[in-house]
Amino acid sequence: MYHLGTVLYLQGNEKDSVVLIQDSIRILEEGGQGESIMCIKRLRYLAQIYLRSNRPEEAENLQRKILHILELTKGWDSMETVFAAEGLALTLQAVGDLQESQELLERCLNVRKMLLPEDHIQVGGNMLKIARVAMLNINRLRRTNVSDAIAELDKAKDLLGNSIRIAQGVLVKFAKDNRESEDQKDGQAALIILLQSLDALGLLEITRQEVEESPGHPLEAENALRQCISFFKEFGMQKPALDSPQVKTEYLSCLKHLSNLISDSMNDGRDKSKTTTLQELNDEIKRVEAELSPRRKQRNSNF
């Protein structure tokens, strides 16, 4: 029943697929296997269907159920519980429940620090996720309490600084060792987290200037975005093992944010000397978009 449901989903028949998967879960639960690995796997699959179908509330209910099962069966000294809590936190972030999302992510970070080395890439990725929630919270606070918004800015900047440091360390080690398998996976994850963190830092510095109402060009934001591009060229282009569509997608995001920043600066009359730089950025954006286009079409056709 479950396997037929997955086949129907891949064929585009979501409605019947969901019914079959729900029935397969109900049968397991009625047979006393509601806490089994098989049942959790099916709950996760169904939650992913809901998320892809823009049904976050239903996904949230399933993710809460999964987390509750894992808390009872494995406790919080398990990475499986951490992954489940992190998934729920990201869904809560999407529906606007920032407080619970942040609390869950902070608990995940504390557990990771106990179970993993302090410079593990998962620790850096967790810090990036908390920083993103803080940045969303800043957009709320800036309307009512500027001092609290600035405090959140400082907190997010510290988190991003640490995620950047950890990701750089993993990449430097990867470049020296030049090994495959798990090291390659960690290398790709580190490069993605590094690019995302620098991109987020650039946006954070723009937000800081707006919150503090500071005049002039946001130079720190530009520097962060330029660093993002430099690291891609250093690791993404020089190390083929680290090249992937997701890495290029994060690189593209940095390019676009830097292009918009320079364009805004030129339109405001602050800096007319960067016309060539802007044209080069826009040419690179077109090149990367052309590279990603066929890959995106292929990815969208798969689950």
Protein backbone atom coordinates (compact mmCIF):
# COMPACT_ATOMS: atom_id res chain seq x y z
CA MET A 1 0.00 0.00 0.00
CA TYR A 2 2.75 2.45 0.99
CA HIS A 3 4.88 1.59 -2.04
CA LEU A 4 1.90 2.02 -4.38
CA GLY A 5 1.31 5.41 -2.73
CA THR A 6 4.87 6.52 -3.46
CA VAL A 7 4.54 5.38 -7.09
CA LEU A 8 1.27 7.30 -7.49
CA TYR A 9 2.91 10.41 -6.03
CA LEU A 10 5.79 10.21 -8.50
CA GLN A 11 3.20 9.88 -11.27
CA GLY A 12 1.53 13.09 -10.12
CA ASN A 13 -1.51 11.55 -8.40
CA GLU A 14 -1.05 13.24 -5.03
CA LYS A 15 -4.61 12.83 -3.72
CA ASP A 16 -4.73 9.02 -4.02
CA SER A 17 -1.10 8.78 -2.94
CA VAL A 18 -1.78 10.58 0.34
CA VAL A 19 -4.78 8.37 1.09
CA LEU A 20 -2.76 5.18 0.58
CA ILE A 21 0.19 6.40 2.65
CA GLN A 22 -2.15 7.52 5.46
CA ASP A 23 -3.82 4.10 5.42
CA SER A 24 -0.46 2.32 5.57
CA ILE A 25 0.50 4.43 8.62
CA ARG A 26 -2.85 3.73 10.31
CA ILE A 27 -2.40 -0.03 9.81
CA LEU A 28 1.04 0.08 11.41
CA GLU A 29 -0.25 2.11 14.35
CA GLU A 30 -3.20 -0.22 14.90
CA GLY A 31 -0.79 -3.16 14.82
CA GLY A 32 1.31 -1.68 17.60
CA GLN A 33 4.11 -0.50 15.30
CA GLY A 34 3.45 3.22 15.55
CA GLU A 35 6.92 3.84 17.02
CA SER A 36 8.76 1.61 14.53
CA ILE A 37 11.42 2.83 12.11
CA MET A 38 9.10 1.89 9.24
CA CYS A 39 6.26 4.04 10.57
CA ILE A 40 8.54 7.03 11.21
CA LYS A 41 9.88 6.72 7.66
CA ARG A 42 6.34 6.84 6.26
CA LEU A 43 5.39 9.79 8.46
CA ARG A 44 8.45 11.66 7.20
CA TYR A 45 7.59 10.92 3.57
CA LEU A 46 4.03 12.15 4.06
CA ALA A 47 5.29 15.30 5.81
CA GLN A 48 7.55 16.01 2.81
CA ILE A 49 4.58 15.66 0.46
CA TYR A 50 2.66 18.20 2.55
CA LEU A 51 5.59 20.62 2.54
CA ARG A 52 6.02 20.35 -1.22
CA SER A 53 2.28 20.92 -1.65
CA ASN A 54 2.35 24.09 0.49
CA ARG A 55 0.44 22.48 3.37
CA PRO A 56 2.77 23.45 6.25
CA GLU A 57 0.19 23.09 9.04
CA GLU A 58 -0.41 19.42 8.17
CA ALA A 59 3.34 18.87 7.85
CA GLU A 60 3.84 20.49 11.25
CA ASN A 61 1.38 18.08 12.90
CA LEU A 62 3.23 15.08 11.47
CA GLN A 63 6.63 16.49 12.41
CA ARG A 64 5.45 17.06 15.99
CA LYS A 65 4.26 13.46 16.07
CA ILE A 66 7.63 12.19 14.79
CA LEU A 67 9.54 14.29 17.33
CA HIS A 68 7.33 13.05 20.18
CA ILE A 69 7.95 9.43 19.18
CA LEU A 70 11.71 9.96 19.02
CA GLU A 71 11.80 11.82 22.33
CA LEU A 72 10.12 8.81 23.95
CA THR A 73 12.12 6.09 22.19
CA LYS A 74 15.57 7.63 21.73
CA GLY A 75 15.67 10.75 23.90
CA TRP A 76 17.59 13.91 23.10
CA ASP A 77 20.98 12.19 23.11
CA SER A 78 20.29 11.07 19.55
CA MET A 79 21.07 12.82 16.29
CA GLU A 80 17.86 11.36 14.87
CA THR A 81 15.89 13.37 17.43
CA VAL A 82 17.94 16.47 16.58
CA PHE A 83 17.17 16.11 12.87
CA ALA A 84 13.46 15.70 13.61
CA ALA A 85 13.43 18.78 15.85
CA GLU A 86 15.32 20.80 13.25
CA GLY A 87 12.83 19.83 10.55
CA LEU A 88 9.95 20.94 12.76
CA ALA A 89 11.78 24.20 13.57
CA LEU A 90 12.14 25.05 9.88
CA THR A 91 8.43 24.40 9.28
CA LEU A 92 7.55 26.60 12.27
CA GLN A 93 9.77 29.31 10.81
CA ALA A 94 7.86 29.06 7.52
CA VAL A 95 4.49 29.54 9.27
CA GLY A 96 5.80 32.46 11.34
CA ASP A 97 6.21 30.85 14.77
CA LEU A 98 9.68 32.28 15.28
CA GLN A 99 9.88 31.88 19.05
CA GLU A 100 9.33 28.11 19.14
CA SER A 101 11.46 27.70 16.02
CA GLN A 102 14.36 29.49 17.70
CA GLU A 103 13.94 27.52 20.94
CA LEU A 104 14.06 24.21 19.07
CA LEU A 105 17.09 25.24 17.01
CA GLU A 106 18.95 26.39 20.11
CA ARG A 107 18.23 23.07 21.79
CA CYS A 108 19.49 21.27 18.68
CA LEU A 109 22.68 23.34 18.81
CA ASN A 110 23.27 22.48 22.47
CA VAL A 111 22.86 18.76 21.74
CA ARG A 112 25.13 18.93 18.70
CA LYS A 113 27.82 20.62 20.78
CA MET A 114 27.63 17.70 23.23
CA LEU A 115 27.59 14.93 20.62
CA LEU A 116 29.89 16.37 17.94
CA PRO A 117 33.25 18.19 17.82
CA GLU A 118 32.80 21.94 18.32
CA ASP A 119 34.06 22.65 14.80
CA HIS A 120 31.79 20.08 13.09
CA ILE A 121 30.02 21.45 10.02
CA GLN A 122 26.62 20.54 11.50
CA VAL A 123 27.33 22.96 14.35
CA GLY A 124 28.02 25.72 11.83
CA GLY A 125 24.88 24.90 9.86
CA ASN A 126 22.79 24.99 13.04
CA MET A 127 24.19 28.44 13.90
CA LEU A 128 23.26 29.68 10.43
CA LYS A 129 19.66 28.50 10.92
CA ILE A 130 19.37 30.31 14.27
CA ALA A 131 20.80 33.47 12.69
CA ARG A 132 18.17 33.34 9.95
CA VAL A 133 15.38 33.15 12.53
CA ALA A 134 16.95 36.09 14.38
CA MET A 135 17.01 38.08 11.13
CA LEU A 136 13.30 37.43 10.60
CA ASN A 137 12.69 38.56 14.18
CA ILE A 138 14.62 41.76 13.47
CA ASN A 139 12.13 42.70 10.77
CA ARG A 140 9.38 42.54 13.40
CA LEU A 141 11.29 44.32 16.15
CA ARG A 142 12.49 47.22 14.01
CA ARG A 143 8.90 48.54 13.83
CA THR A 144 8.42 48.60 17.60
CA ASN A 145 11.76 48.45 19.46
CA VAL A 146 14.91 49.57 17.68
CA SER A 147 17.25 48.76 20.58
CA ASP A 148 15.99 45.16 20.71
CA ALA A 149 16.34 44.94 16.94
CA ILE A 150 19.98 46.06 17.17
CA ALA A 151 20.63 43.47 19.92
CA GLU A 152 19.23 40.77 17.61
CA LEU A 153 21.43 42.08 14.80
CA ASP A 154 24.50 41.67 17.00
CA LYS A 155 23.44 38.17 18.02
CA ALA A 156 22.83 37.14 14.40
CA LYS A 157 26.19 38.59 13.35
CA ASP A 158 28.02 36.58 16.03
CA LEU A 159 26.27 33.39 14.91
CA LEU A 160 27.09 34.03 11.26
CA GLY A 161 30.70 34.81 12.15
CA ASN A 162 31.01 31.45 13.88
CA SER A 163 29.30 29.53 11.06
CA ILE A 164 31.67 31.19 8.58
CA ARG A 165 34.69 30.30 10.73
CA ILE A 166 33.63 26.65 11.08
CA ALA A 167 32.81 26.26 7.37
CA GLN A 168 36.15 27.80 6.36
CA GLY A 169 37.98 25.42 8.67
CA VAL A 170 36.28 22.39 7.14
CA LEU A 171 37.07 23.61 3.62
CA VAL A 172 40.72 24.26 4.40
CA LYS A 173 41.02 20.74 5.84
CA PHE A 174 39.28 19.30 2.78
CA ALA A 175 41.64 21.18 0.44
CA LYS A 176 44.67 19.78 2.30
CA ASP A 177 43.43 16.21 2.60
CA ASN A 178 41.85 16.04 -0.86
CA ARG A 179 39.95 12.88 0.07
CA GLU A 180 36.61 11.54 -1.18
CA SER A 181 33.52 9.87 0.35
CA GLU A 182 32.35 11.43 3.63
CA ASP A 183 34.96 14.18 3.44
CA GLN A 184 33.56 15.20 0.07
CA LYS A 185 30.03 15.40 1.50
CA ASP A 186 31.27 17.53 4.39
CA GLY A 187 33.20 19.70 1.93
CA GLN A 188 30.11 20.36 -0.18
CA ALA A 189 28.02 21.07 2.92
CA ALA A 190 30.71 23.44 4.23
CA LEU A 191 30.88 25.39 0.97
CA ILE A 192 27.08 25.73 0.84
CA ILE A 193 26.96 26.89 4.47
CA LEU A 194 29.86 29.31 3.89
CA LEU A 195 28.18 30.91 0.86
CA GLN A 196 24.81 31.06 2.63
CA SER A 197 26.37 32.59 5.75
CA LEU A 198 28.22 35.30 3.82
CA ASP A 199 25.12 36.04 1.75
CA ALA A 200 23.09 36.33 4.97
CA LEU A 201 25.80 38.55 6.50
CA GLY A 202 25.56 40.88 3.52
CA LEU A 203 21.79 41.18 3.94
CA LEU A 204 22.22 41.64 7.69
CA GLU A 205 24.60 44.59 7.17
CA ILE A 206 22.10 46.21 4.81
CA THR A 207 19.39 45.73 7.43
CA ARG A 208 21.63 47.20 10.13
CA GLN A 209 22.17 50.34 8.07
CA GLU A 210 18.42 50.69 7.58
CA VAL A 211 17.63 50.11 11.27
CA GLU A 212 20.31 52.53 12.45
CA GLU A 213 19.38 54.95 9.63
CA SER A 214 23.04 55.28 8.65
CA PRO A 215 23.79 57.19 5.43
CA GLY A 216 26.15 56.08 2.69
CA HIS A 217 26.96 52.88 0.84
CA PRO A 218 26.80 49.67 2.97
CA LEU A 219 30.47 48.77 2.49
CA GLU A 220 30.45 45.87 4.97
CA ALA A 221 27.56 44.29 3.09
CA GLU A 222 29.46 44.61 -0.20
CA ASN A 223 32.59 43.12 1.37
CA ALA A 224 30.65 40.09 2.66
CA LEU A 225 29.08 39.46 -0.74
CA ARG A 226 32.43 39.83 -2.50
CA GLN A 227 33.92 37.33 -0.06
CA CYS A 228 31.11 34.95 -0.96
CA ILE A 229 32.04 35.16 -4.63
CA SER A 230 35.78 34.82 -3.87
CA PHE A 231 35.26 31.66 -1.83
CA PHE A 232 33.17 30.12 -4.60
CA LYS A 233 35.99 30.78 -7.06
CA GLU A 234 38.57 29.41 -4.63
CA PHE A 235 36.75 26.22 -3.69
CA GLY A 236 33.80 25.71 -6.03
CA MET A 237 35.77 26.26 -9.22
CA GLN A 238 39.16 24.91 -8.16
CA LYS A 239 37.78 21.76 -6.50
CA PRO A 240 35.49 19.88 -8.93
CA ALA A 241 34.43 17.53 -6.12
CA LEU A 242 32.68 20.48 -4.44
CA ASP A 243 30.83 21.62 -7.54
CA SER A 244 27.08 20.97 -7.44
CA PRO A 245 23.84 22.68 -8.54
CA GLN A 246 23.12 23.69 -4.94
CA VAL A 247 26.55 25.31 -4.58
CA LYS A 248 25.96 27.23 -7.82
CA THR A 249 22.50 28.28 -6.61
CA GLU A 250 24.01 29.87 -3.49
CA TYR A 251 26.71 31.51 -5.61
CA LEU A 252 23.99 32.91 -7.88
CA SER A 253 22.17 34.36 -4.88
CA CYS A 254 25.35 36.21 -3.81
CA LEU A 255 25.86 37.51 -7.34
CA LYS A 256 22.33 38.87 -7.54
CA HIS A 257 22.48 40.53 -4.13
CA LEU A 258 25.80 42.19 -4.97
CA SER A 259 24.49 43.30 -8.37
CA ASN A 260 21.42 44.86 -6.74
CA LEU A 261 23.54 46.57 -4.10
CA ILE A 262 25.88 48.14 -6.65
CA SER A 263 22.98 49.07 -8.94
CA ASP A 264 21.18 50.84 -6.07
CA SER A 265 24.37 52.69 -5.17
CA MET A 266 24.82 53.89 -8.75
CA ASN A 267 21.18 54.92 -9.07
CA ASP A 268 21.52 57.00 -5.90
CA GLY A 269 24.50 58.75 -7.45
CA ARG A 270 26.91 57.49 -4.81
CA ASP A 271 29.27 55.58 -7.08
CA LYS A 272 29.33 55.81 -10.87
CA SER A 273 32.72 54.12 -11.16
CA LYS A 274 31.40 50.56 -10.95
CA THR A 275 29.63 50.34 -14.29
CA THR A 276 32.11 47.77 -15.58
CA THR A 277 31.86 45.73 -12.38
CA LEU A 278 28.07 45.72 -12.61
CA GLN A 279 28.15 44.55 -16.23
CA GLU A 280 30.56 41.75 -15.33
CA LEU A 281 28.29 40.65 -12.50
CA ASN A 282 25.22 40.62 -14.73
CA ASP A 283 27.09 38.63 -17.40
CA GLU A 284 28.13 36.09 -14.76
CA ILE A 285 24.54 35.88 -13.48
CA LYS A 286 23.32 35.03 -16.98
CA ARG A 287 26.04 32.41 -17.39
CA VAL A 288 25.25 30.65 -14.10
CA GLU A 289 21.49 30.81 -14.75
CA ALA A 290 22.04 29.16 -18.13
CA GLU A 291 24.06 26.40 -16.44
CA LEU A 292 21.41 25.79 -13.81
CA SER A 293 18.35 25.95 -16.05
CA PRO A 294 18.43 22.39 -17.48
CA ARG A 295 19.42 20.97 -14.07
CA ARG A 296 16.48 22.69 -12.38
CA LYS A 297 14.04 21.25 -14.91
CA GLN A 298 15.44 17.77 -14.25
CA ARG A 299 15.33 18.22 -10.46
CA ASN A 300 11.74 19.48 -10.51
CA SER A 301 10.67 16.33 -12.33
CA ASN A 302 12.00 14.18 -9.46
CA PHE A 303 10.91 13.91 -5.82
